[in-house]
Amino acid sequence: MEVRWLEDFLALARTRHFSRAAELQHVTQPTFSRRIKLLEETMGTTLVDRQTLPLSLTPAGEVFREMCERVTRDVRDTRERIAQLESEASNRFSVGATQALFSHFFAGWLAETGLEERLQFNLKATNWLGEDFFDALDSGDCDLVLCYWHDQLPWQERWDSDYYQWLSLASECAVPLSVADDQGQPRFTLPGTEDQPVPVIAYHPRGFIAPAVAARTAASRPPAHLLPLNESAHSSSVKTLVAQGFGMGWLPHRVTEKSEHYGRLVRAGDERWDIALEIRLVRLRTPRSDGLATLWNELEDHYARTGTPRPTMPAS
């Protein structure tokens, strides 16, 4: 049974007149009459008493009218809810973020900016490395990218092109850390020597942090002598291996906060070895929707008012 038939019947029940009901339903009177007759045949009973003037409903018609009102009300409410959900979905945007930023920055940033209902994390991003984030942005797999930035990124020309637009959200600092010995001193310390290089838990070379570590150690005086033990894609993996005493490693300060609070990790080198990072939000310069452009403008206004927050640097 079509919802249109129920609406026809309710129009007839209200007007008690075939011609006026047909006008309400924007059909001719003969067409309307045929639809009501077909409805009665489908229900297997007479719903309208055509012998009265104005028309009246039979007892079965009264019962059927009550049912029609319930169904059409439910259909209307459901349509409104679906429209609301579609509207909400069209105003929600997918964010691809590095694992460290998702775990230690994303939720707090959403709360600070009031974007909890408008942005959602793209779980596919947990498998992305470096340029994969920009490939996803280009292909439409995500609307925004949340990542670290520094001058040593190997795909710098791509970043600086007119194809992308970015906002600086916060500063970050990656610091060299080691598990502490019984005296509270680092078990592994920079810079090491040729004979005794420092074991290091390294980052995957395609990631965001590895190029910055390489640039820092290459420019250091005295030079750093490192013995990479493995390559980890995520800061959490580096942190776990460092905390278990396998070697030292560079970790973004936000990732280390809890460990430092409990005193498990200490500096493996002074501030000379720190690496300045920036947390950026990136989108295509030409947004794919007006909603994303509006959200971006709101973020620009927010940071124009509040400025870019700076993290507390870890103690020496």
C-alpha atoms as a PDB file:
ATOM      1  CA  MET A   1       0.000   0.000   0.000  1.00  0.00           C
ATOM      2  CA  GLU A   2       1.391   3.383  -0.981  1.00  0.00           C
ATOM      3  CA  VAL A   3       1.636   6.273   1.483  1.00  0.00           C
ATOM      4  CA  ARG A   4      -0.026   8.361  -1.248  1.00  0.00           C
ATOM      5  CA  TRP A   5      -3.213   6.350  -0.782  1.00  0.00           C
ATOM      6  CA  LEU A   6      -3.254   7.104   2.923  1.00  0.00           C
ATOM      7  CA  GLU A   7      -2.813  10.807   2.221  1.00  0.00           C
ATOM      8  CA  ASP A   8      -5.652  10.644  -0.329  1.00  0.00           C
ATOM      9  CA  PHE A   9      -7.945   9.067   2.213  1.00  0.00           C
ATOM     10  CA  LEU A  10      -7.101  11.627   4.893  1.00  0.00           C
ATOM     11  CA  ALA A  11      -7.798  14.461   2.427  1.00  0.00           C
ATOM     12  CA  LEU A  12     -11.217  12.933   1.694  1.00  0.00           C
ATOM     13  CA  ALA A  13     -11.893  12.403   5.407  1.00  0.00           C
ATOM     14  CA  ARG A  14     -11.183  16.101   6.066  1.00  0.00           C
ATOM     15  CA  THR A  15     -13.121  17.605   3.162  1.00  0.00           C
ATOM     16  CA  ARG A  16     -15.900  14.959   2.846  1.00  0.00           C
ATOM     17  CA  HIS A  17     -15.941  15.897  -0.846  1.00  0.00           C
ATOM     18  CA  PHE A  18     -14.244  14.094  -3.770  1.00  0.00           C
ATOM     19  CA  SER A  19     -13.627  17.190  -5.904  1.00  0.00           C
ATOM     20  CA  ARG A  20     -12.128  19.289  -3.100  1.00  0.00           C
ATOM     21  CA  ALA A  21      -9.999  16.380  -1.911  1.00  0.00           C
ATOM     22  CA  ALA A  22      -8.760  15.861  -5.493  1.00  0.00           C
ATOM     23  CA  GLU A  23      -7.746  19.530  -5.664  1.00  0.00           C
ATOM     24  CA  LEU A  24      -5.772  19.158  -2.416  1.00  0.00           C
ATOM     25  CA  GLN A  25      -3.963  16.164  -3.870  1.00  0.00           C
ATOM     26  CA  HIS A  26      -3.357  17.928  -7.205  1.00  0.00           C
ATOM     27  CA  VAL A  27      -5.106  15.293  -9.350  1.00  0.00           C
ATOM     28  CA  THR A  28      -8.300  15.198 -11.345  1.00  0.00           C
ATOM     29  CA  GLN A  29     -11.488  14.097  -9.635  1.00  0.00           C
ATOM     30  CA  PRO A  30     -11.847  10.886 -11.722  1.00  0.00           C
ATOM     31  CA  THR A  31      -8.252   9.893 -10.946  1.00  0.00           C
ATOM     32  CA  PHE A  32      -8.802  10.592  -7.265  1.00  0.00           C
ATOM     33  CA  SER A  33     -12.028   8.558  -7.212  1.00  0.00           C
ATOM     34  CA  ARG A  34     -10.255   5.592  -8.851  1.00  0.00           C
ATOM     35  CA  ARG A  35      -7.483   5.744  -6.226  1.00  0.00           C
ATOM     36  CA  ILE A  36      -9.984   5.691  -3.360  1.00  0.00           C
ATOM     37  CA  LYS A  37     -11.834   2.772  -4.983  1.00  0.00           C
ATOM     38  CA  LEU A  38      -8.549   0.887  -5.404  1.00  0.00           C
ATOM     39  CA  LEU A  39      -7.757   1.544  -1.743  1.00  0.00           C
ATOM     40  CA  GLU A  40     -11.095   0.064  -0.693  1.00  0.00           C
ATOM     41  CA  GLU A  41     -10.499  -2.980  -2.880  1.00  0.00           C
ATOM     42  CA  THR A  42      -7.085  -3.453  -1.322  1.00  0.00           C
ATOM     43  CA  MET A  43      -8.549  -3.231   2.195  1.00  0.00           C
ATOM     44  CA  GLY A  44     -11.423  -5.520   1.241  1.00  0.00           C
ATOM     45  CA  THR A  45     -14.131  -3.236   2.647  1.00  0.00           C
ATOM     46  CA  THR A  46     -16.086  -0.032   2.001  1.00  0.00           C
ATOM     47  CA  LEU A  47     -14.456   2.921   3.723  1.00  0.00           C
ATOM     48  CA  VAL A  48     -16.621   5.778   2.409  1.00  0.00           C
ATOM     49  CA  ASP A  49     -20.428   6.038   2.552  1.00  0.00           C
ATOM     50  CA  ARG A  50     -21.207   7.751  -0.732  1.00  0.00           C
ATOM     51  CA  GLN A  51     -24.967   7.904  -0.077  1.00  0.00           C
ATOM     52  CA  THR A  52     -24.697  10.694   2.503  1.00  0.00           C
ATOM     53  CA  LEU A  53     -24.239  14.394   1.858  1.00  0.00           C
ATOM     54  CA  PRO A  54     -21.650  15.388   2.719  1.00  0.00           C
ATOM     55  CA  LEU A  55     -19.836  12.084   2.436  1.00  0.00           C
ATOM     56  CA  SER A  56     -19.226  10.158   5.643  1.00  0.00           C
ATOM     57  CA  LEU A  57     -16.918   7.374   6.683  1.00  0.00           C
ATOM     58  CA  THR A  58     -18.151   3.917   7.434  1.00  0.00           C
ATOM     59  CA  PRO A  59     -17.199   2.428  10.830  1.00  0.00           C
ATOM     60  CA  ALA A  60     -14.355   0.647   9.040  1.00  0.00           C
ATOM     61  CA  GLY A  61     -13.417   3.970   7.468  1.00  0.00           C
ATOM     62  CA  GLU A  62     -13.178   5.636  10.907  1.00  0.00           C
ATOM     63  CA  VAL A  63     -10.825   2.909  12.122  1.00  0.00           C
ATOM     64  CA  PHE A  64      -8.826   3.194   8.922  1.00  0.00           C
ATOM     65  CA  ARG A  65      -8.611   7.004   9.305  1.00  0.00           C
ATOM     66  CA  GLU A  66      -7.050   6.634  12.770  1.00  0.00           C
ATOM     67  CA  MET A  67      -4.502   4.228  11.352  1.00  0.00           C
ATOM     68  CA  CYS A  68      -3.748   6.597   8.458  1.00  0.00           C
ATOM     69  CA  GLU A  69      -3.099   9.468  10.862  1.00  0.00           C
ATOM     70  CA  ARG A  70      -0.671   7.377  12.896  1.00  0.00           C
ATOM     71  CA  VAL A  71       1.188   6.087   9.850  1.00  0.00           C
ATOM     72  CA  THR A  72       1.434   9.412   8.060  1.00  0.00           C
ATOM     73  CA  ARG A  73       2.603  11.069  11.292  1.00  0.00           C
ATOM     74  CA  ASP A  74       5.282   8.399  11.726  1.00  0.00           C
ATOM     75  CA  VAL A  75       6.329   8.765   8.089  1.00  0.00           C
ATOM     76  CA  ARG A  76       6.560  12.545   8.431  1.00  0.00           C
ATOM     77  CA  ASP A  77       8.591  12.288  11.643  1.00  0.00           C
ATOM     78  CA  THR A  78      10.884   9.722  10.049  1.00  0.00           C
ATOM     79  CA  ARG A  79      11.442  11.895   6.992  1.00  0.00           C
ATOM     80  CA  GLU A  80      12.285  14.860   9.218  1.00  0.00           C
ATOM     81  CA  ARG A  81      14.725  12.740  11.231  1.00  0.00           C
ATOM     82  CA  ILE A  82      16.387  11.411   8.088  1.00  0.00           C
ATOM     83  CA  ALA A  83      16.696  14.938   6.719  1.00  0.00           C
ATOM     84  CA  GLN A  84      18.245  16.026  10.012  1.00  0.00           C
ATOM     85  CA  LEU A  85      20.716  13.136   9.940  1.00  0.00           C
ATOM     86  CA  GLU A  86      21.646  13.892   6.334  1.00  0.00           C
ATOM     87  CA  SER A  87      22.128  17.533   7.210  1.00  0.00           C
ATOM     88  CA  GLU A  88      24.332  16.605  10.156  1.00  0.00           C
ATOM     89  CA  ALA A  89      26.313  14.180   8.002  1.00  0.00           C
ATOM     90  CA  SER A  90      26.855  16.824   5.333  1.00  0.00           C
ATOM     91  CA  ASN A  91      28.280  19.125   8.019  1.00  0.00           C
ATOM     92  CA  ARG A  92      30.614  16.487   9.513  1.00  0.00           C
ATOM     93  CA  PHE A  93      34.093  16.339   8.090  1.00  0.00           C
ATOM     94  CA  SER A  94      36.676  13.587   8.131  1.00  0.00           C
ATOM     95  CA  VAL A  95      40.054  14.254   9.760  1.00  0.00           C
ATOM     96  CA  GLY A  96      43.147  12.192   9.074  1.00  0.00           C
ATOM     97  CA  ALA A  97      45.572  12.541  11.986  1.00  0.00           C
ATOM     98  CA  THR A  98      48.827  10.916  12.991  1.00  0.00           C
ATOM     99  CA  GLN A  99      48.479   8.389  15.810  1.00  0.00           C
ATOM    100  CA  ALA A 100      50.254  10.627  18.335  1.00  0.00           C
ATOM    101  CA  LEU A 101      48.092  13.639  17.552  1.00  0.00           C
ATOM    102  CA  PHE A 102      44.919  11.586  17.622  1.00  0.00           C
ATOM    103  CA  SER A 103      45.816  10.114  21.020  1.00  0.00           C
ATOM    104  CA  HIS A 104      47.265  13.201  22.707  1.00  0.00           C
ATOM    105  CA  PHE A 105      45.873  16.279  20.943  1.00  0.00           C
ATOM    106  CA  PHE A 106      42.732  15.669  18.880  1.00  0.00           C
ATOM    107  CA  ALA A 107      40.086  15.309  21.645  1.00  0.00           C
ATOM    108  CA  GLY A 108      41.315  18.303  23.632  1.00  0.00           C
ATOM    109  CA  TRP A 109      41.493  20.429  20.512  1.00  0.00           C
ATOM    110  CA  LEU A 110      37.917  19.489  19.546  1.00  0.00           C
ATOM    111  CA  ALA A 111      36.707  20.499  23.016  1.00  0.00           C
ATOM    112  CA  GLU A 112      38.650  23.771  22.877  1.00  0.00           C
ATOM    113  CA  THR A 113      37.213  24.734  19.493  1.00  0.00           C
ATOM    114  CA  GLY A 114      33.723  23.285  20.061  1.00  0.00           C
ATOM    115  CA  LEU A 115      33.956  21.061  16.983  1.00  0.00           C
ATOM    116  CA  GLU A 116      33.028  17.726  18.598  1.00  0.00           C
ATOM    117  CA  GLU A 117      29.854  17.390  16.508  1.00  0.00           C
ATOM    118  CA  ARG A 118      31.398  18.538  13.235  1.00  0.00           C
ATOM    119  CA  LEU A 119      34.645  16.600  12.909  1.00  0.00           C
ATOM    120  CA  GLN A 120      35.267  12.865  13.043  1.00  0.00           C
ATOM    121  CA  PHE A 121      38.498  10.890  13.012  1.00  0.00           C
ATOM    122  CA  ASN A 122      39.129   8.770   9.919  1.00  0.00           C
ATOM    123  CA  LEU A 123      40.215   5.347  11.201  1.00  0.00           C
ATOM    124  CA  LYS A 124      41.984   4.658   7.892  1.00  0.00           C
ATOM    125  CA  ALA A 125      44.587   7.199   8.980  1.00  0.00           C
ATOM    126  CA  THR A 126      46.073   4.749  11.487  1.00  0.00           C
ATOM    127  CA  ASN A 127      47.737   3.031   8.501  1.00  0.00           C
ATOM    128  CA  TRP A 128      49.010   6.193   6.799  1.00  0.00           C
ATOM    129  CA  LEU A 129      52.566   7.501   6.781  1.00  0.00           C
ATOM    130  CA  GLY A 130      53.861  10.900   5.732  1.00  0.00           C
ATOM    131  CA  GLU A 131      52.719  11.737   2.230  1.00  0.00           C
ATOM    132  CA  ASP A 132      49.878   9.209   2.508  1.00  0.00           C
ATOM    133  CA  PHE A 133      47.969  11.904   4.382  1.00  0.00           C
ATOM    134  CA  PHE A 134      48.237  14.308   1.462  1.00  0.00           C
ATOM    135  CA  ASP A 135      47.340  11.585  -1.017  1.00  0.00           C
ATOM    136  CA  ALA A 136      44.197  10.974   1.056  1.00  0.00           C
ATOM    137  CA  LEU A 137      43.430  14.684   1.054  1.00  0.00           C
ATOM    138  CA  ASP A 138      43.851  14.811  -2.725  1.00  0.00           C
ATOM    139  CA  SER A 139      41.640  11.775  -3.321  1.00  0.00           C
ATOM    140  CA  GLY A 140      38.878  12.854  -0.931  1.00  0.00           C
ATOM    141  CA  ASP A 141      39.491  10.087   1.620  1.00  0.00           C
ATOM    142  CA  CYS A 142      39.603  12.845   4.231  1.00  0.00           C
ATOM    143  CA  ASP A 143      38.688  16.528   4.344  1.00  0.00           C
ATOM    144  CA  LEU A 144      41.382  17.691   6.751  1.00  0.00           C
ATOM    145  CA  VAL A 145      44.827  16.501   7.823  1.00  0.00           C
ATOM    146  CA  LEU A 146      46.218  17.010  11.334  1.00  0.00           C
ATOM    147  CA  CYS A 147      49.973  16.502  11.368  1.00  0.00           C
ATOM    148  CA  TYR A 148      53.400  17.662  12.498  1.00  0.00           C
ATOM    149  CA  TRP A 149      55.351  20.107  10.383  1.00  0.00           C
ATOM    150  CA  HIS A 150      59.011  21.171  10.313  1.00  0.00           C
ATOM    151  CA  ASP A 151      61.451  22.565   7.776  1.00  0.00           C
ATOM    152  CA  GLN A 152      63.098  19.222   7.046  1.00  0.00           C
ATOM    153  CA  LEU A 153      60.080  17.441   5.578  1.00  0.00           C
ATOM    154  CA  PRO A 154      61.233  15.838   2.312  1.00  0.00           C
ATOM    155  CA  TRP A 155      57.983  16.673   0.507  1.00  0.00           C
ATOM    156  CA  GLN A 156      58.377  20.382   1.299  1.00  0.00           C
ATOM    157  CA  GLU A 157      57.711  21.513  -2.274  1.00  0.00           C
ATOM    158  CA  ARG A 158      54.374  19.749  -2.269  1.00  0.00           C
ATOM    159  CA  TRP A 159      53.441  21.380   1.030  1.00  0.00           C
ATOM    160  CA  ASP A 160      54.396  24.859  -0.149  1.00  0.00           C
ATOM    161  CA  SER A 161      52.363  24.624  -3.337  1.00  0.00           C
ATOM    162  CA  ASP A 162      49.243  26.677  -3.915  1.00  0.00           C
ATOM    163  CA  TYR A 163      47.232  23.463  -3.732  1.00  0.00           C
ATOM    164  CA  TYR A 164      46.959  23.389   0.090  1.00  0.00           C
ATOM    165  CA  GLN A 165      46.038  25.765   2.854  1.00  0.00           C
ATOM    166  CA  TRP A 166      46.989  25.285   6.490  1.00  0.00           C
ATOM    167  CA  LEU A 167      46.476  26.632  10.009  1.00  0.00           C
ATOM    168  CA  SER A 168      49.076  26.517  12.757  1.00  0.00           C
ATOM    169  CA  LEU A 169      47.293  25.053  15.810  1.00  0.00           C
ATOM    170  CA  ALA A 170      50.094  24.637  18.345  1.00  0.00           C
ATOM    171  CA  SER A 171      53.811  24.316  18.864  1.00  0.00           C
ATOM    172  CA  GLU A 172      55.394  21.046  19.943  1.00  0.00           C
ATOM    173  CA  CYS A 173      58.859  19.919  20.971  1.00  0.00           C
ATOM    174  CA  ALA A 174      60.317  16.451  20.444  1.00  0.00           C
ATOM    175  CA  VAL A 175      62.826  15.683  23.195  1.00  0.00           C
ATOM    176  CA  PRO A 176      65.421  12.892  23.554  1.00  0.00           C
ATOM    177  CA  LEU A 177      64.429  10.546  26.367  1.00  0.00           C
ATOM    178  CA  SER A 178      65.750   7.462  28.069  1.00  0.00           C
ATOM    179  CA  VAL A 179      64.619   5.245  30.878  1.00  0.00           C
ATOM    180  CA  ALA A 180      66.283   6.224  34.187  1.00  0.00           C
ATOM    181  CA  ASP A 181      68.758   4.065  36.079  1.00  0.00           C
ATOM    182  CA  ASP A 182      68.600   3.419  39.821  1.00  0.00           C
ATOM    183  CA  GLN A 183      70.163   6.829  40.506  1.00  0.00           C
ATOM    184  CA  GLY A 184      67.620   8.626  38.348  1.00  0.00           C
ATOM    185  CA  GLN A 185      70.136   9.258  35.563  1.00  0.00           C
ATOM    186  CA  PRO A 186      69.487   8.408  31.923  1.00  0.00           C
ATOM    187  CA  ARG A 187      70.603   4.909  30.988  1.00  0.00           C
ATOM    188  CA  PHE A 188      71.441   6.180  27.503  1.00  0.00           C
ATOM    189  CA  THR A 189      72.888   9.632  26.814  1.00  0.00           C
ATOM    190  CA  LEU A 190      73.758  11.656  23.745  1.00  0.00           C
ATOM    191  CA  PRO A 191      75.951  12.083  21.796  1.00  0.00           C
ATOM    192  CA  GLY A 192      77.648   8.674  22.161  1.00  0.00           C
ATOM    193  CA  THR A 193      80.944   7.732  20.541  1.00  0.00           C
ATOM    194  CA  GLU A 194      82.106   5.746  17.538  1.00  0.00           C
ATOM    195  CA  ASP A 195      83.072   2.905  19.855  1.00  0.00           C
ATOM    196  CA  GLN A 196      79.880   3.118  21.916  1.00  0.00           C
ATOM    197  CA  PRO A 197      77.034   4.501  19.817  1.00  0.00           C
ATOM    198  CA  VAL A 198      73.773   5.242  21.592  1.00  0.00           C
ATOM    199  CA  PRO A 199      71.047   2.681  20.875  1.00  0.00           C
ATOM    200  CA  VAL A 200      68.073   4.564  19.483  1.00  0.00           C
ATOM    201  CA  ILE A 201      64.463   3.615  18.803  1.00  0.00           C
ATOM    202  CA  ALA A 202      64.047   5.238  15.409  1.00  0.00           C
ATOM    203  CA  TYR A 203      61.035   6.412  13.431  1.00  0.00           C
ATOM    204  CA  HIS A 204      59.971   5.109  10.050  1.00  0.00           C
ATOM    205  CA  PRO A 205      61.797   7.206   7.410  1.00  0.00           C
ATOM    206  CA  ARG A 206      58.521   7.979   5.597  1.00  0.00           C
ATOM    207  CA  GLY A 207      56.965   9.494   8.726  1.00  0.00           C
ATOM    208  CA  PHE A 208      56.855  13.106   9.903  1.00  0.00           C
ATOM    209  CA  ILE A 209      59.447  12.988  12.708  1.00  0.00           C
ATOM    210  CA  ALA A 210      62.294  10.903  11.237  1.00  0.00           C
ATOM    211  CA  PRO A 211      63.530  13.665   8.862  1.00  0.00           C
ATOM    212  CA  ALA A 212      63.661  16.150  11.754  1.00  0.00           C
ATOM    213  CA  VAL A 213      65.686  13.744  13.912  1.00  0.00           C
ATOM    214  CA  ALA A 214      68.073  13.100  11.023  1.00  0.00           C
ATOM    215  CA  ALA A 215      68.575  16.830  10.441  1.00  0.00           C
ATOM    216  CA  ARG A 216      69.157  17.536  14.133  1.00  0.00           C
ATOM    217  CA  THR A 217      71.710  14.774  14.613  1.00  0.00           C
ATOM    218  CA  ALA A 218      73.500  15.621  11.348  1.00  0.00           C
ATOM    219  CA  ALA A 219      73.953  19.246  12.425  1.00  0.00           C
ATOM    220  CA  SER A 220      74.955  18.512  16.037  1.00  0.00           C
ATOM    221  CA  ARG A 221      78.380  19.374  17.404  1.00  0.00           C
ATOM    222  CA  PRO A 222      79.819  17.159  18.751  1.00  0.00           C
ATOM    223  CA  PRO A 223      78.330  14.717  16.262  1.00  0.00           C
ATOM    224  CA  ALA A 224      75.832  12.121  17.415  1.00  0.00           C
ATOM    225  CA  HIS A 225      76.744   8.464  17.152  1.00  0.00           C
ATOM    226  CA  LEU A 226      73.565   6.418  17.041  1.00  0.00           C
ATOM    227  CA  LEU A 227      72.799   2.742  16.678  1.00  0.00           C
ATOM    228  CA  PRO A 228      69.221   2.427  15.304  1.00  0.00           C
ATOM    229  CA  LEU A 229      67.582  -0.699  16.684  1.00  0.00           C
ATOM    230  CA  ASN A 230      64.342  -0.592  14.720  1.00  0.00           C
ATOM    231  CA  GLU A 231      61.959   1.742  12.904  1.00  0.00           C
ATOM    232  CA  SER A 232      58.558   2.457  14.414  1.00  0.00           C
ATOM    233  CA  ALA A 233      55.709   4.143  12.599  1.00  0.00           C
ATOM    234  CA  HIS A 234      54.095   5.590  15.734  1.00  0.00           C
ATOM    235  CA  SER A 235      55.306   7.587  18.727  1.00  0.00           C
ATOM    236  CA  SER A 236      53.473   5.240  21.089  1.00  0.00           C
ATOM    237  CA  SER A 237      55.621   2.343  19.859  1.00  0.00           C
ATOM    238  CA  VAL A 238      58.785   4.391  20.307  1.00  0.00           C
ATOM    239  CA  LYS A 239      57.680   5.360  23.804  1.00  0.00           C
ATOM    240  CA  THR A 240      56.975   1.750  24.784  1.00  0.00           C
ATOM    241  CA  LEU A 241      60.403   0.517  23.693  1.00  0.00           C
ATOM    242  CA  VAL A 242      62.174   3.485  25.297  1.00  0.00           C
ATOM    243  CA  ALA A 243      60.297   2.934  28.580  1.00  0.00           C
ATOM    244  CA  GLN A 244      61.284  -0.745  28.523  1.00  0.00           C
ATOM    245  CA  GLY A 245      64.942   0.249  28.372  1.00  0.00           C
ATOM    246  CA  PHE A 246      65.868  -0.867  24.860  1.00  0.00           C
ATOM    247  CA  GLY A 247      67.308   2.518  23.876  1.00  0.00           C
ATOM    248  CA  MET A 248      66.673   6.251  23.805  1.00  0.00           C
ATOM    249  CA  GLY A 249      64.299   8.015  21.459  1.00  0.00           C
ATOM    250  CA  TRP A 250      62.798  11.358  20.530  1.00  0.00           C
ATOM    251  CA  LEU A 251      59.204  11.842  21.654  1.00  0.00           C
ATOM    252  CA  PRO A 252      56.781  14.749  21.224  1.00  0.00           C
ATOM    253  CA  HIS A 253      56.311  16.404  24.606  1.00  0.00           C
ATOM    254  CA  ARG A 254      52.577  15.728  24.714  1.00  0.00           C
ATOM    255  CA  VAL A 255      53.261  12.018  24.313  1.00  0.00           C
ATOM    256  CA  THR A 256      55.663  12.030  27.269  1.00  0.00           C
ATOM    257  CA  GLU A 257      53.626  14.028  29.788  1.00  0.00           C
ATOM    258  CA  LYS A 258      52.223  11.078  31.740  1.00  0.00           C
ATOM    259  CA  SER A 259      55.529   9.208  31.779  1.00  0.00           C
ATOM    260  CA  GLU A 260      57.416  12.267  32.966  1.00  0.00           C
ATOM    261  CA  HIS A 261      54.854  12.821  35.701  1.00  0.00           C
ATOM    262  CA  TYR A 262      55.615   9.380  37.103  1.00  0.00           C
ATOM    263  CA  GLY A 263      59.351   9.860  36.606  1.00  0.00           C
ATOM    264  CA  ARG A 264      59.915   6.854  34.328  1.00  0.00           C
ATOM    265  CA  LEU A 265      61.611   8.742  31.497  1.00  0.00           C
ATOM    266  CA  VAL A 266      64.357  11.344  31.759  1.00  0.00           C
ATOM    267  CA  ARG A 267      66.269  13.441  29.274  1.00  0.00           C
ATOM    268  CA  ALA A 268      68.940  11.697  27.249  1.00  0.00           C
ATOM    269  CA  GLY A 269      70.423  15.038  26.196  1.00  0.00           C
ATOM    270  CA  ASP A 270      70.092  18.745  26.886  1.00  0.00           C
ATOM    271  CA  GLU A 271      68.084  21.322  24.937  1.00  0.00           C
ATOM    272  CA  ARG A 272      70.572  21.287  22.074  1.00  0.00           C
ATOM    273  CA  TRP A 273      68.995  18.009  21.000  1.00  0.00           C
ATOM    274  CA  ASP A 274      65.397  19.222  21.143  1.00  0.00           C
ATOM    275  CA  ILE A 275      63.442  19.394  17.893  1.00  0.00           C
ATOM    276  CA  ALA A 276      60.901  22.155  17.303  1.00  0.00           C
ATOM    277  CA  LEU A 277      57.702  20.930  15.666  1.00  0.00           C
ATOM    278  CA  GLU A 278      54.479  22.617  14.662  1.00  0.00           C
ATOM    279  CA  ILE A 279      51.024  21.084  14.685  1.00  0.00           C
ATOM    280  CA  ARG A 280      49.170  22.032  11.538  1.00  0.00           C
ATOM    281  CA  LEU A 281      45.692  21.503  10.145  1.00  0.00           C
ATOM    282  CA  VAL A 282      45.717  21.219   6.357  1.00  0.00           C
ATOM    283  CA  ARG A 283      43.036  21.278   3.682  1.00  0.00           C
ATOM    284  CA  LEU A 284      42.819  21.724  -0.043  1.00  0.00           C
ATOM    285  CA  ARG A 285      43.008  25.404  -0.910  1.00  0.00           C
ATOM    286  CA  THR A 286      39.766  24.991  -2.860  1.00  0.00           C
ATOM    287  CA  PRO A 287      37.422  23.243  -0.386  1.00  0.00           C
ATOM    288  CA  ARG A 288      35.056  20.580  -1.635  1.00  0.00           C
ATOM    289  CA  SER A 289      32.028  22.097   0.132  1.00  0.00           C
ATOM    290  CA  ASP A 290      30.724  25.398   1.433  1.00  0.00           C
ATOM    291  CA  GLY A 291      30.387  23.791   4.871  1.00  0.00           C
ATOM    292  CA  LEU A 292      34.104  23.083   5.047  1.00  0.00           C
ATOM    293  CA  ALA A 293      34.905  26.637   3.955  1.00  0.00           C
ATOM    294  CA  THR A 294      32.636  27.952   6.714  1.00  0.00           C
ATOM    295  CA  LEU A 295      34.282  25.734   9.330  1.00  0.00           C
ATOM    296  CA  TRP A 296      37.726  26.867   8.182  1.00  0.00           C
ATOM    297  CA  ASN A 297      36.740  30.521   8.485  1.00  0.00           C
ATOM    298  CA  GLU A 298      35.502  29.879  12.012  1.00  0.00           C
ATOM    299  CA  LEU A 299      38.831  28.289  12.922  1.00  0.00           C
ATOM    300  CA  GLU A 300      40.754  31.214  11.441  1.00  0.00           C
ATOM    301  CA  ASP A 301      38.663  33.594  13.562  1.00  0.00           C
ATOM    302  CA  HIS A 302      39.231  31.428  16.651  1.00  0.00           C
ATOM    303  CA  TYR A 303      43.015  31.485  16.293  1.00  0.00           C
ATOM    304  CA  ALA A 304      43.028  35.164  15.397  1.00  0.00           C
ATOM    305  CA  ARG A 305      41.393  35.775  18.789  1.00  0.00           C
ATOM    306  CA  THR A 306      43.246  33.250  20.913  1.00  0.00           C
ATOM    307  CA  GLY A 307      46.610  32.882  19.190  1.00  0.00           C
ATOM    308  CA  THR A 308      48.582  29.640  18.876  1.00  0.00           C
ATOM    309  CA  PRO A 309      49.051  27.867  22.241  1.00  0.00           C
ATOM    310  CA  ARG A 310      52.567  26.924  23.251  1.00  0.00           C
ATOM    311  CA  PRO A 311      53.379  23.734  25.164  1.00  0.00           C
ATOM    312  CA  THR A 312      55.341  23.691  28.416  1.00  0.00           C
ATOM    313  CA  MET A 313      58.847  22.485  27.654  1.00  0.00           C
ATOM    314  CA  PRO A 314      60.104  19.484  29.634  1.00  0.00           C
ATOM    315  CA  ALA A 315      62.637  20.116  32.352  1.00  0.00           C
ATOM    316  CA  SER A 316      66.322  19.456  31.813  1.00  0.00           C
END
